[in-house]
């Protein structure tokens, strides 16, 4: 994986290769599934690492199944419900604030 930005790091750190191993924070996050990424995005954004994993045959052990249909539907329902509750609370706060302002 190539370090593209180096905020807080020496400027010469940008462009250096960071090994994709569990002993580094980026590698640990990606390899432990906490940073799941679509294969096409990984191929485009981390070409060298993708090519290395594909050539060595290691890529297959990091692939995970897409979320199931019930999980996707449940996530969407939960997301829209929480957005609706948030908007309702915002409206109630505005009604309360404008009702007491006059």
PDB file of N, CA and C in Angstrom:
ATOM      1  N   UNK A   1       0.858  -1.147   0.000  1.00  0.00           N
ATOM      2  CA  UNK A   1       0.000   0.000   0.000  1.00  0.00           C
ATOM      3  C   UNK A   1       0.916   1.224   0.000  1.00  0.00           C
ATOM      4  N   UNK A   2       0.567   2.228  -0.788  1.00  0.00           N
ATOM      5  CA  UNK A   2       1.376   3.435  -0.901  1.00  0.00           C
ATOM      6  C   UNK A   2       0.773   4.548  -0.070  1.00  0.00           C
ATOM      7  N   UNK A   3       1.616   5.185   0.741  1.00  0.00           N
ATOM      8  CA  UNK A   3       1.189   6.318   1.549  1.00  0.00           C
ATOM      9  C   UNK A   3       1.040   7.524   0.627  1.00  0.00           C
ATOM     10  N   UNK A   4      -0.179   8.024   0.473  1.00  0.00           N
ATOM     11  CA  UNK A   4      -0.442   9.114  -0.466  1.00  0.00           C
ATOM     12  C   UNK A   4      -0.428  10.480   0.207  1.00  0.00           C
ATOM     13  N   UNK A   5      -0.819  10.536   1.477  1.00  0.00           N
ATOM     14  CA  UNK A   5      -0.850  11.810   2.202  1.00  0.00           C
ATOM     15  C   UNK A   5      -0.030  11.652   3.469  1.00  0.00           C
ATOM     16  N   UNK A   6       0.555  12.737   3.931  1.00  0.00           N
ATOM     17  CA  UNK A   6       1.430  12.621   5.091  1.00  0.00           C
ATOM     18  C   UNK A   6       1.202  13.752   6.084  1.00  0.00           C
ATOM     19  N   UNK A   7      -0.050  14.045   6.368  1.00  0.00           N
ATOM     20  CA  UNK A   7      -0.354  15.086   7.347  1.00  0.00           C
ATOM     21  C   UNK A   7       0.171  14.660   8.710  1.00  0.00           C
ATOM     22  N   UNK A   8       1.041  15.469   9.292  1.00  0.00           N
ATOM     23  CA  UNK A   8       1.636  15.132  10.574  1.00  0.00           C
ATOM     24  C   UNK A   8       2.875  14.259  10.451  1.00  0.00           C
ATOM     25  N   UNK A   9       3.199  13.831   9.259  1.00  0.00           N
ATOM     26  CA  UNK A   9       4.390  13.034   9.001  1.00  0.00           C
ATOM     27  C   UNK A   9       5.389  13.904   8.245  1.00  0.00           C
ATOM     28  N   UNK A  10       6.643  13.507   8.205  1.00  0.00           N
ATOM     29  CA  UNK A  10       7.597  14.248   7.377  1.00  0.00           C
ATOM     30  C   UNK A  10       7.139  14.233   5.918  1.00  0.00           C
ATOM     31  N   UNK A  11       7.380  15.313   5.192  1.00  0.00           N
ATOM     32  CA  UNK A  11       6.902  15.408   3.809  1.00  0.00           C
ATOM     33  C   UNK A  11       7.478  14.308   2.923  1.00  0.00           C
ATOM     34  N   UNK A  12       8.657  13.811   3.238  1.00  0.00           N
ATOM     35  CA  UNK A  12       9.253  12.754   2.414  1.00  0.00           C
ATOM     36  C   UNK A  12       8.573  11.394   2.622  1.00  0.00           C
ATOM     37  N   UNK A  13       7.678  11.291   3.602  1.00  0.00           N
ATOM     38  CA  UNK A  13       6.965  10.027   3.843  1.00  0.00           C
ATOM     39  C   UNK A  13       5.951   9.732   2.743  1.00  0.00           C
ATOM     40  N   UNK A  14       5.406  10.781   2.114  1.00  0.00           N
ATOM     41  CA  UNK A  14       4.420  10.573   1.049  1.00  0.00           C
ATOM     42  C   UNK A  14       5.069   9.803  -0.090  1.00  0.00           C
ATOM     43  N   UNK A  15       4.373   8.802  -0.591  1.00  0.00           N
ATOM     44  CA  UNK A  15       4.885   7.997  -1.681  1.00  0.00           C
ATOM     45  C   UNK A  15       5.616   6.746  -1.237  1.00  0.00           C
ATOM     46  N   UNK A  16       5.834   6.573   0.064  1.00  0.00           N
ATOM     47  CA  UNK A  16       6.515   5.364   0.528  1.00  0.00           C
ATOM     48  C   UNK A  16       5.534   4.207   0.594  1.00  0.00           C
ATOM     49  N   UNK A  17       6.055   3.012   0.455  1.00  0.00           N
ATOM     50  CA  UNK A  17       5.226   1.806   0.522  1.00  0.00           C
ATOM     51  C   UNK A  17       5.052   1.384   1.977  1.00  0.00           C
ATOM     52  N   UNK A  18       3.811   1.092   2.351  1.00  0.00           N
ATOM     53  CA  UNK A  18       3.509   0.569   3.679  1.00  0.00           C
ATOM     54  C   UNK A  18       3.103  -0.884   3.476  1.00  0.00           C
ATOM     55  N   UNK A  19       3.808  -1.819   4.116  1.00  0.00           N
ATOM     56  CA  UNK A  19       3.468  -3.224   3.893  1.00  0.00           C
ATOM     57  C   UNK A  19       2.074  -3.551   4.413  1.00  0.00           C
ATOM     58  N   UNK A  20       1.364  -4.384   3.695  1.00  0.00           N
ATOM     59  CA  UNK A  20       0.019  -4.788   4.085  1.00  0.00           C
ATOM     60  C   UNK A  20       0.138  -6.019   4.976  1.00  0.00           C
ATOM     61  N   UNK A  21       0.553  -5.771   6.199  1.00  0.00           N
ATOM     62  CA  UNK A  21       0.717  -6.827   7.207  1.00  0.00           C
ATOM     63  C   UNK A  21       0.052  -6.367   8.493  1.00  0.00           C
ATOM     64  N   UNK A  22      -0.258  -7.299   9.364  1.00  0.00           N
ATOM     65  CA  UNK A  22      -0.983  -6.946  10.590  1.00  0.00           C
ATOM     66  C   UNK A  22      -0.131  -6.166  11.584  1.00  0.00           C
ATOM     67  N   UNK A  23       1.166  -6.046  11.353  1.00  0.00           N
ATOM     68  CA  UNK A  23       2.011  -5.286  12.279  1.00  0.00           C
ATOM     69  C   UNK A  23       1.946  -3.779  12.025  1.00  0.00           C
ATOM     70  N   UNK A  24       1.265  -3.349  10.944  1.00  0.00           N
ATOM     71  CA  UNK A  24       1.054  -1.920  10.708  1.00  0.00           C
ATOM     72  C   UNK A  24      -0.424  -1.615  10.886  1.00  0.00           C
ATOM     73  N   UNK A  25      -0.751  -0.400  11.326  1.00  0.00           N
ATOM     74  CA  UNK A  25      -2.156  -0.043  11.550  1.00  0.00           C
ATOM     75  C   UNK A  25      -2.993  -0.128  10.277  1.00  0.00           C
ATOM     76  N   UNK A  26      -2.529   0.447   9.138  1.00  0.00           N
ATOM     77  CA  UNK A  26      -3.341   0.316   7.912  1.00  0.00           C
ATOM     78  C   UNK A  26      -3.505  -1.141   7.488  1.00  0.00           C
ATOM     79  N   UNK A  27      -2.443  -1.904   7.566  1.00  0.00           N
ATOM     80  CA  UNK A  27      -2.517  -3.300   7.186  1.00  0.00           C
ATOM     81  C   UNK A  27      -3.433  -4.089   8.101  1.00  0.00           C
ATOM     82  N   UNK A  28      -3.330  -3.840   9.400  1.00  0.00           N
ATOM     83  CA  UNK A  28      -4.191  -4.534  10.355  1.00  0.00           C
ATOM     84  C   UNK A  28      -5.664  -4.247  10.064  1.00  0.00           C
ATOM     85  N   UNK A  29      -5.973  -2.968   9.837  1.00  0.00           N
ATOM     86  CA  UNK A  29      -7.363  -2.577   9.575  1.00  0.00           C
ATOM     87  C   UNK A  29      -7.889  -3.254   8.324  1.00  0.00           C
ATOM     88  N   UNK A  30      -7.111  -3.241   7.249  1.00  0.00           N
ATOM     89  CA  UNK A  30      -7.560  -3.849   6.000  1.00  0.00           C
ATOM     90  C   UNK A  30      -7.635  -5.368   6.087  1.00  0.00           C
ATOM     91  N   UNK A  31      -6.640  -5.982   6.721  1.00  0.00           N
ATOM     92  CA  UNK A  31      -6.591  -7.441   6.747  1.00  0.00           C
ATOM     93  C   UNK A  31      -7.592  -8.051   7.721  1.00  0.00           C
ATOM     94  N   UNK A  32      -7.995  -7.333   8.736  1.00  0.00           N
ATOM     95  CA  UNK A  32      -8.932  -7.866   9.720  1.00  0.00           C
ATOM     96  C   UNK A  32     -10.389  -7.647   9.330  1.00  0.00           C
ATOM     97  N   UNK A  33     -10.630  -7.090   8.153  1.00  0.00           N
ATOM     98  CA  UNK A  33     -11.996  -6.931   7.687  1.00  0.00           C
ATOM     99  C   UNK A  33     -12.697  -5.712   8.243  1.00  0.00           C
ATOM    100  N   UNK A  34     -12.001  -4.917   9.051  1.00  0.00           N
ATOM    101  CA  UNK A  34     -12.606  -3.714   9.594  1.00  0.00           C
ATOM    102  C   UNK A  34     -12.630  -2.615   8.547  1.00  0.00           C
ATOM    103  N   UNK A  35     -11.913  -2.814   7.479  1.00  0.00           N
ATOM    104  CA  UNK A  35     -11.871  -1.833   6.414  1.00  0.00           C
ATOM    105  C   UNK A  35     -12.226  -2.485   5.093  1.00  0.00           C
ATOM    106  N   UNK A  36     -13.333  -3.197   5.059  1.00  0.00           N
ATOM    107  CA  UNK A  36     -13.730  -3.895   3.833  1.00  0.00           C
ATOM    108  C   UNK A  36     -13.877  -2.893   2.693  1.00  0.00           C
ATOM    109  N   UNK A  37     -13.469  -3.320   1.516  1.00  0.00           N
ATOM    110  CA  UNK A  37     -13.483  -2.450   0.347  1.00  0.00           C
ATOM    111  C   UNK A  37     -13.911  -3.290  -0.860  1.00  0.00           C
ATOM    112  N   UNK A  38     -14.601  -2.693  -1.784  1.00  0.00           N
ATOM    113  CA  UNK A  38     -15.013  -3.370  -3.004  1.00  0.00           C
ATOM    114  C   UNK A  38     -13.755  -3.722  -3.805  1.00  0.00           C
ATOM    115  N   UNK A  39     -13.709  -4.925  -4.351  1.00  0.00           N
ATOM    116  CA  UNK A  39     -12.513  -5.407  -5.050  1.00  0.00           C
ATOM    117  C   UNK A  39     -12.093  -4.450  -6.164  1.00  0.00           C
ATOM    118  N   UNK A  40     -13.061  -3.943  -6.920  1.00  0.00           N
ATOM    119  CA  UNK A  40     -12.724  -3.024  -8.015  1.00  0.00           C
ATOM    120  C   UNK A  40     -12.068  -1.745  -7.481  1.00  0.00           C
ATOM    121  N   UNK A  41     -12.550  -1.253  -6.341  1.00  0.00           N
ATOM    122  CA  UNK A  41     -11.943  -0.064  -5.743  1.00  0.00           C
ATOM    123  C   UNK A  41     -10.531  -0.366  -5.257  1.00  0.00           C
ATOM    124  N   UNK A  42     -10.348  -1.526  -4.623  1.00  0.00           N
ATOM    125  CA  UNK A  42      -9.020  -1.914  -4.149  1.00  0.00           C
ATOM    126  C   UNK A  42      -8.056  -2.052  -5.316  1.00  0.00           C
ATOM    127  N   UNK A  43      -8.531  -2.652  -6.409  1.00  0.00           N
ATOM    128  CA  UNK A  43      -7.692  -2.824  -7.607  1.00  0.00           C
ATOM    129  C   UNK A  43      -7.273  -1.467  -8.153  1.00  0.00           C
ATOM    130  N   UNK A  44      -8.205  -0.514  -8.191  1.00  0.00           N
ATOM    131  CA  UNK A  44      -7.915   0.807  -8.747  1.00  0.00           C
ATOM    132  C   UNK A  44      -7.037   1.645  -7.797  1.00  0.00           C
ATOM    133  N   UNK A  45      -7.348   1.608  -6.497  1.00  0.00           N
ATOM    134  CA  UNK A  45      -6.665   2.489  -5.550  1.00  0.00           C
ATOM    135  C   UNK A  45      -5.352   1.927  -5.022  1.00  0.00           C
ATOM    136  N   UNK A  46      -5.188   0.616  -5.055  1.00  0.00           N
ATOM    137  CA  UNK A  46      -3.983  -0.029  -4.522  1.00  0.00           C
ATOM    138  C   UNK A  46      -3.463  -1.047  -5.525  1.00  0.00           C
ATOM    139  N   UNK A  47      -3.186  -0.570  -6.731  1.00  0.00           N
ATOM    140  CA  UNK A  47      -2.841  -1.451  -7.840  1.00  0.00           C
ATOM    141  C   UNK A  47      -1.682  -2.390  -7.517  1.00  0.00           C
ATOM    142  N   UNK A  48      -0.581  -1.877  -6.973  1.00  0.00           N
ATOM    143  CA  UNK A  48       0.579  -2.739  -6.707  1.00  0.00           C
ATOM    144  C   UNK A  48       0.251  -3.830  -5.693  1.00  0.00           C
ATOM    145  N   UNK A  49      -0.434  -3.438  -4.608  1.00  0.00           N
ATOM    146  CA  UNK A  49      -0.787  -4.419  -3.590  1.00  0.00           C
ATOM    147  C   UNK A  49      -1.766  -5.452  -4.142  1.00  0.00           C
ATOM    148  N   UNK A  50      -2.729  -4.995  -4.940  1.00  0.00           N
ATOM    149  CA  UNK A  50      -3.687  -5.915  -5.568  1.00  0.00           C
ATOM    150  C   UNK A  50      -2.943  -6.898  -6.475  1.00  0.00           C
ATOM    151  N   UNK A  51      -2.053  -6.381  -7.329  1.00  0.00           N
ATOM    152  CA  UNK A  51      -1.301  -7.237  -8.248  1.00  0.00           C
ATOM    153  C   UNK A  51      -0.458  -8.257  -7.491  1.00  0.00           C
ATOM    154  N   UNK A  52       0.178  -7.810  -6.387  1.00  0.00           N
ATOM    155  CA  UNK A  52       1.008  -8.721  -5.594  1.00  0.00           C
ATOM    156  C   UNK A  52       0.155  -9.830  -4.975  1.00  0.00           C
ATOM    157  N   UNK A  53      -0.999  -9.456  -4.391  1.00  0.00           N
ATOM    158  CA  UNK A  53      -1.874 -10.450  -3.773  1.00  0.00           C
ATOM    159  C   UNK A  53      -2.463 -11.401  -4.815  1.00  0.00           C
ATOM    160  N   UNK A  54      -2.849 -10.863  -5.975  1.00  0.00           N
ATOM    161  CA  UNK A  54      -3.410 -11.705  -7.037  1.00  0.00           C
ATOM    162  C   UNK A  54      -2.359 -12.665  -7.578  1.00  0.00           C
ATOM    163  N   UNK A  55      -1.138 -12.180  -7.788  1.00  0.00           N
ATOM    164  CA  UNK A  55      -0.071 -13.023  -8.338  1.00  0.00           C
ATOM    165  C   UNK A  55       0.319 -14.141  -7.370  1.00  0.00           C
ATOM    166  N   UNK A  56       0.297 -13.842  -6.067  1.00  0.00           N
ATOM    167  CA  UNK A  56       0.695 -14.853  -5.078  1.00  0.00           C
ATOM    168  C   UNK A  56      -0.461 -15.777  -4.700  1.00  0.00           C
ATOM    169  N   UNK A  57      -1.664 -15.464  -5.165  1.00  0.00           N
ATOM    170  CA  UNK A  57      -2.824 -16.284  -4.831  1.00  0.00           C
ATOM    171  C   UNK A  57      -3.411 -15.979  -3.459  1.00  0.00           C
ATOM    172  N   UNK A  58      -2.889 -14.961  -2.778  1.00  0.00           N
ATOM    173  CA  UNK A  58      -3.369 -14.608  -1.436  1.00  0.00           C
ATOM    174  C   UNK A  58      -4.658 -13.801  -1.461  1.00  0.00           C
ATOM    175  N   UNK A  59      -5.010 -13.237  -2.603  1.00  0.00           N
ATOM    176  CA  UNK A  59      -6.187 -12.374  -2.682  1.00  0.00           C
ATOM    177  C   UNK A  59      -7.452 -13.113  -2.256  1.00  0.00           C
ATOM    178  N   UNK A  60      -7.570 -14.372  -2.623  1.00  0.00           N
ATOM    179  CA  UNK A  60      -8.776 -15.142  -2.325  1.00  0.00           C
ATOM    180  C   UNK A  60      -9.054 -15.258  -0.831  1.00  0.00           C
ATOM    181  N   UNK A  61      -8.009 -15.317  -0.010  1.00  0.00           N
ATOM    182  CA  UNK A  61      -8.252 -15.495   1.420  1.00  0.00           C
ATOM    183  C   UNK A  61      -8.758 -14.224   2.099  1.00  0.00           C
ATOM    184  N   UNK A  62      -8.671 -13.074   1.415  1.00  0.00           N
ATOM    185  CA  UNK A  62      -9.168 -11.819   1.979  1.00  0.00           C
ATOM    186  C   UNK A  62     -10.555 -11.446   1.464  1.00  0.00           C
ATOM    187  N   UNK A  63     -11.061 -12.170   0.494  1.00  0.00           N
ATOM    188  CA  UNK A  63     -12.371 -11.856  -0.065  1.00  0.00           C
ATOM    189  C   UNK A  63     -13.471 -12.300   0.893  1.00  0.00           C
ATOM    190  N   UNK A  64     -14.491 -11.472   1.032  1.00  0.00           N
ATOM    191  CA  UNK A  64     -15.647 -11.804   1.863  1.00  0.00           C
ATOM    192  C   UNK A  64     -16.897 -11.672   1.013  1.00  0.00           C
ATOM    193  N   UNK A  65     -17.954 -12.354   1.433  1.00  0.00           N
ATOM    194  CA  UNK A  65     -19.213 -12.273   0.704  1.00  0.00           C
ATOM    195  C   UNK A  65     -19.841 -10.902   0.897  1.00  0.00           C
ATOM    196  N   UNK A  66     -20.601 -10.488  -0.081  1.00  0.00           N
ATOM    197  CA  UNK A  66     -21.368  -9.244   0.046  1.00  0.00           C
ATOM    198  C   UNK A  66     -22.420  -9.441   1.135  1.00  0.00           C
ATOM    199  N   UNK A  67     -22.883  -8.357   1.750  1.00  0.00           N
ATOM    200  CA  UNK A  67     -23.927  -8.498   2.764  1.00  0.00           C
ATOM    201  C   UNK A  67     -25.163  -9.173   2.170  1.00  0.00           C
ATOM    202  N   UNK A  68     -25.835  -9.979   2.981  1.00  0.00           N
ATOM    203  CA  UNK A  68     -27.024 -10.684   2.510  1.00  0.00           C
ATOM    204  C   UNK A  68     -28.143  -9.688   2.225  1.00  0.00           C
ATOM    205  N   UNK A  69     -29.130 -10.139   1.453  1.00  0.00           N
ATOM    206  CA  UNK A  69     -30.265  -9.281   1.122  1.00  0.00           C
ATOM    207  C   UNK A  69     -31.014  -8.824   2.373  1.00  0.00           C
ATOM    208  N   UNK A  70     -31.292  -9.719   3.347  1.00  0.00           N
ATOM    209  CA  UNK A  70     -31.966  -9.253   4.563  1.00  0.00           C
ATOM    210  C   UNK A  70     -31.133  -8.226   5.339  1.00  0.00           C
ATOM    211  N   UNK A  71     -29.809  -8.409   5.366  1.00  0.00           N
ATOM    212  CA  UNK A  71     -28.944  -7.456   6.079  1.00  0.00           C
ATOM    213  C   UNK A  71     -28.971  -6.103   5.375  1.00  0.00           C
ATOM    214  N   UNK A  72     -28.919  -6.108   4.059  1.00  0.00           N
ATOM    215  CA  UNK A  72     -28.975  -4.863   3.291  1.00  0.00           C
ATOM    216  C   UNK A  72     -30.313  -4.162   3.498  1.00  0.00           C
ATOM    217  N   UNK A  73     -31.400  -4.907   3.424  1.00  0.00           N
ATOM    218  CA  UNK A  73     -32.731  -4.317   3.616  1.00  0.00           C
ATOM    219  C   UNK A  73     -32.882  -3.788   5.037  1.00  0.00           C
ATOM    220  N   UNK A  74     -32.439  -4.558   6.022  1.00  0.00           N
ATOM    221  CA  UNK A  74     -32.509  -4.119   7.415  1.00  0.00           C
ATOM    222  C   UNK A  74     -31.705  -2.856   7.660  1.00  0.00           C
ATOM    223  N   UNK A  75     -30.534  -2.766   7.042  1.00  0.00           N
ATOM    224  CA  UNK A  75     -29.692  -1.576   7.195  1.00  0.00           C
ATOM    225  C   UNK A  75     -30.365  -0.345   6.596  1.00  0.00           C
ATOM    226  N   UNK A  76     -30.989  -0.522   5.451  1.00  0.00           N
ATOM    227  CA  UNK A  76     -31.684   0.599   4.815  1.00  0.00           C
ATOM    228  C   UNK A  76     -32.875   1.041   5.652  1.00  0.00           C
ATOM    229  N   UNK A  77     -33.647   0.077   6.148  1.00  0.00           N
ATOM    230  CA  UNK A  77     -34.803   0.426   6.992  1.00  0.00           C
ATOM    231  C   UNK A  77     -34.336   1.160   8.249  1.00  0.00           C
ATOM    232  N   UNK A  78     -33.314   0.634   8.890  1.00  0.00           N
ATOM    233  CA  UNK A  78     -32.785   1.282  10.090  1.00  0.00           C
ATOM    234  C   UNK A  78     -32.268   2.685   9.776  1.00  0.00           C
ATOM    235  N   UNK A  79     -31.538   2.831   8.689  1.00  0.00           N
ATOM    236  CA  UNK A  79     -31.002   4.137   8.308  1.00  0.00           C
ATOM    237  C   UNK A  79     -32.091   5.159   8.065  1.00  0.00           C
ATOM    238  N   UNK A  80     -33.095   4.793   7.281  1.00  0.00           N
ATOM    239  CA  UNK A  80     -34.188   5.730   7.003  1.00  0.00           C
ATOM    240  C   UNK A  80     -34.998   6.039   8.260  1.00  0.00           C
ATOM    241  N   UNK A  81     -35.183   5.042   9.119  1.00  0.00           N
ATOM    242  CA  UNK A  81     -35.903   5.268  10.375  1.00  0.00           C
ATOM    243  C   UNK A  81     -35.152   6.270  11.252  1.00  0.00           C
ATOM    244  N   UNK A  82     -33.845   6.089  11.382  1.00  0.00           N
ATOM    245  CA  UNK A  82     -33.050   6.999  12.212  1.00  0.00           C
ATOM    246  C   UNK A  82     -32.998   8.409  11.625  1.00  0.00           C
ATOM    247  N   UNK A  83     -32.923   8.514  10.314  1.00  0.00           N
ATOM    248  CA  UNK A  83     -32.970   9.842   9.684  1.00  0.00           C
ATOM    249  C   UNK A  83     -34.323  10.485   9.949  1.00  0.00           C
ATOM    250  N   UNK A  84     -35.408   9.708   9.832  1.00  0.00           N
ATOM    251  CA  UNK A  84     -36.745  10.229  10.107  1.00  0.00           C
ATOM    252  C   UNK A  84     -36.884  10.706  11.547  1.00  0.00           C
ATOM    253  N   UNK A  85     -36.371   9.928  12.492  1.00  0.00           N
ATOM    254  CA  UNK A  85     -36.425  10.323  13.903  1.00  0.00           C
ATOM    255  C   UNK A  85     -35.618  11.597  14.112  1.00  0.00           C
ATOM    256  N   UNK A  86     -34.465  11.676  13.495  1.00  0.00           N
ATOM    257  CA  UNK A  86     -33.637  12.884  13.614  1.00  0.00           C
ATOM    258  C   UNK A  86     -34.337  14.112  13.067  1.00  0.00           C
ATOM    259  N   UNK A  87     -34.962  13.973  11.907  1.00  0.00           N
ATOM    260  CA  UNK A  87     -35.696  15.104  11.325  1.00  0.00           C
ATOM    261  C   UNK A  87     -36.898  15.489  12.185  1.00  0.00           C
ATOM    262  N   UNK A  88     -37.596  14.506  12.743  1.00  0.00           N
ATOM    263  CA  UNK A  88     -38.719  14.786  13.638  1.00  0.00           C
ATOM    264  C   UNK A  88     -38.247  15.558  14.870  1.00  0.00           C
ATOM    265  N   UNK A  89     -37.130  15.132  15.445  1.00  0.00           N
ATOM    266  CA  UNK A  89     -36.583  15.850  16.597  1.00  0.00           C
ATOM    267  C   UNK A  89     -36.186  17.273  16.233  1.00  0.00           C
ATOM    268  N   UNK A  90     -35.602  17.454  15.064  1.00  0.00           N
ATOM    269  CA  UNK A  90     -35.237  18.794  14.606  1.00  0.00           C
ATOM    270  C   UNK A  90     -36.471  19.674  14.471  1.00  0.00           C
ATOM    271  N   UNK A  91     -37.526  19.130  13.890  1.00  0.00           N
ATOM    272  CA  UNK A  91     -38.780  19.891  13.736  1.00  0.00           C
ATOM    273  C   UNK A  91     -39.352  20.246  15.100  1.00  0.00           C
ATOM    274  N   UNK A  92     -39.362  19.300  16.039  1.00  0.00           N
ATOM    275  CA  UNK A  92     -39.885  19.573  17.377  1.00  0.00           C
ATOM    276  C   UNK A  92     -39.067  20.650  18.090  1.00  0.00           C
ATOM    277  N   UNK A  93     -37.765  20.615  17.944  1.00  0.00           N
ATOM    278  CA  UNK A  93     -36.920  21.644  18.555  1.00  0.00           C
ATOM    279  C   UNK A  93     -37.222  23.005  17.938  1.00  0.00           C
ATOM    280  N   UNK A  94     -37.345  23.060  16.613  1.00  0.00           N
ATOM    281  CA  UNK A  94     -37.635  24.325  15.947  1.00  0.00           C
ATOM    282  C   UNK A  94     -39.014  24.843  16.346  1.00  0.00           C
ATOM    283  N   UNK A  95     -40.010  23.983  16.431  1.00  0.00           N
ATOM    284  CA  UNK A  95     -41.350  24.385  16.862  1.00  0.00           C
ATOM    285  C   UNK A  95     -41.306  24.920  18.296  1.00  0.00           C
ATOM    286  N   UNK A  96     -40.589  24.231  19.150  1.00  0.00           N
ATOM    287  CA  UNK A  96     -40.448  24.687  20.530  1.00  0.00           C
ATOM    288  C   UNK A  96     -39.726  26.015  20.635  1.00  0.00           C
ATOM    289  N   UNK A  97     -38.677  26.157  19.861  1.00  0.00           N
ATOM    290  CA  UNK A  97     -37.901  27.392  19.897  1.00  0.00           C
ATOM    291  C   UNK A  97     -38.714  28.559  19.327  1.00  0.00           C
ATOM    292  N   UNK A  98     -39.364  28.371  18.186  1.00  0.00           N
ATOM    293  CA  UNK A  98     -40.122  29.442  17.572  1.00  0.00           C
ATOM    294  C   UNK A  98     -41.407  29.734  18.340  1.00  0.00           C
ATOM    295  N   UNK A  99     -41.965  28.733  19.006  1.00  0.00           N
ATOM    296  CA  UNK A  99     -43.169  28.920  19.808  1.00  0.00           C
ATOM    297  C   UNK A  99     -42.918  29.758  21.038  1.00  0.00           C
ATOM    298  N   UNK A 100     -41.739  29.677  21.609  1.00  0.00           N
ATOM    299  CA  UNK A 100     -41.394  30.437  22.817  1.00  0.00           C
ATOM    300  C   UNK A 100     -40.697  31.759  22.500  1.00  0.00           C
ATOM    301  N   UNK A 101     -40.304  31.947  21.244  1.00  0.00           N
ATOM    302  CA  UNK A 101     -39.601  33.165  20.892  1.00  0.00           C
ATOM    303  C   UNK A 101     -40.543  34.349  20.786  1.00  0.00           C
ATOM    304  N   UNK A 102     -41.793  34.153  20.493  1.00  0.00           N
ATOM    305  CA  UNK A 102     -42.732  35.251  20.270  1.00  0.00           C
ATOM    306  C   UNK A 102     -43.558  35.463  21.439  1.00  0.00           C
TER     307      UNK A 102
END
